[in-house]
Protein backbone atom coordinates (compact mmCIF):
# COMPACT_ATOMS: atom_id res chain seq x y z
CA MET A 1 0.00 0.00 0.00
CA ALA A 2 1.39 3.37 -0.96
CA GLU A 3 2.15 5.77 1.83
CA GLU A 4 0.13 8.96 1.59
CA THR A 5 1.93 12.17 2.42
CA ILE A 6 0.04 15.23 3.43
CA LYS A 7 1.53 18.44 2.11
CA ASP A 8 1.37 21.37 4.49
CA PRO A 9 -0.06 24.36 2.57
CA ARG A 10 2.34 26.60 4.48
CA ASP A 11 5.30 24.83 2.83
CA LEU A 12 5.53 27.43 0.10
CA ASN A 13 8.75 26.18 -1.53
CA GLY A 14 7.80 22.49 -1.30
CA ASP A 15 10.94 21.35 0.51
CA GLY A 16 8.99 19.48 3.21
CA LYS A 17 9.91 21.98 5.91
CA VAL A 18 7.81 24.91 7.10
CA THR A 19 10.03 27.77 8.16
CA LEU A 20 8.98 30.80 10.18
CA ASP A 21 9.32 32.89 7.02
CA GLU A 22 6.92 30.57 5.17
CA LYS A 23 4.46 30.66 8.07
CA ILE A 24 4.49 34.45 8.01
CA LYS A 25 4.09 34.65 4.22
CA TYR A 26 1.26 32.10 4.31
CA ALA A 27 -0.53 33.98 7.10
CA ALA A 28 -0.09 37.27 5.25
CA SER A 29 -1.48 35.71 2.08
CA LYS A 30 -4.54 34.36 3.89
CA ALA A 31 -5.06 37.71 5.64
CA GLY A 32 -4.88 39.47 2.28
CA GLU A 33 -7.48 37.12 0.82
CA LYS A 34 -9.81 37.73 3.77
CA LEU A 35 -9.32 41.50 3.53
CA SER A 36 -10.24 41.41 -0.14
CA GLU A 37 -13.35 39.40 0.66
CA VAL A 38 -14.41 41.76 3.45
CA ALA A 39 -13.66 44.83 1.32
CA GLY A 40 -15.95 43.45 -1.38
CA GLU A 41 -18.74 42.92 1.15
CA VAL A 42 -18.28 46.44 2.53
CA LYS A 43 -18.40 47.87 -0.99
CA ASP A 44 -21.61 46.00 -1.77
CA LYS A 45 -23.28 47.13 1.45
CA ALA A 46 -22.11 50.70 0.93
CA GLN A 47 -23.64 50.76 -2.55
CA VAL A 48 -26.96 49.53 -1.17
CA ALA A 49 -26.87 52.10 1.65
CA PHE A 50 -26.00 54.88 -0.80
CA ALA A 51 -28.91 53.94 -3.04
CA GLU A 52 -31.27 54.00 -0.06
CA VAL A 53 -29.98 57.38 1.12
CA LYS A 54 -30.20 58.78 -2.41
CA GLU A 55 -33.80 57.63 -2.71
CA LYS A 56 -34.71 59.08 0.69
CA GLY A 57 -32.97 62.35 -0.18
CA ALA A 58 -34.91 62.64 -3.43
CA SER A 59 -38.15 62.03 -1.55
CA LEU A 60 -37.33 64.69 1.02
CA ALA A 61 -36.33 67.13 -1.73
CA ASP A 62 -39.69 66.59 -3.42
CA LYS A 63 -41.51 67.21 -0.14
CA ALA A 64 -39.49 70.38 0.42
CA LYS A 65 -40.35 71.66 -3.08
CA ASP A 66 -44.04 71.00 -2.43
CA LYS A 67 -43.86 72.81 0.92
CA ILE A 68 -42.13 75.80 -0.67
CA ALA A 69 -44.78 75.95 -3.41
CA ASP A 70 -47.52 75.85 -0.73
CA LEU A 71 -45.87 78.64 1.25
CA LYS A 72 -45.49 80.78 -1.89
CA ALA A 73 -49.15 80.26 -2.73
CA LYS A 74 -50.20 81.26 0.80
CA LYS A 75 -47.96 84.33 0.63
CA GLU A 76 -49.51 85.38 -2.68
CA ASP A 77 -53.03 84.85 -1.29
CA LYS A 78 -52.21 87.08 1.69
CA ALA A 79 -50.66 89.72 -0.57
CA GLU A 80 -53.83 89.87 -2.72
CA ALA A 81 -56.11 90.22 0.29
């Protein structure tokens, strides 16, 4: 039966030994991958939040325009009286 060897993913140069330098490089690589993943999630959530804020802002702007038109109409009515 053939002996199965398990390769340590931290053995970056494939020499069968995992040095401190390889451990550090492997950890840094994994941290970089995770940071990229999290950054993508943050970007996606920020885009959704921005769209919601933009929509709410447009709604409030419309309400403000209506209120200003109402106030102008009331002012003109008072001026005519």
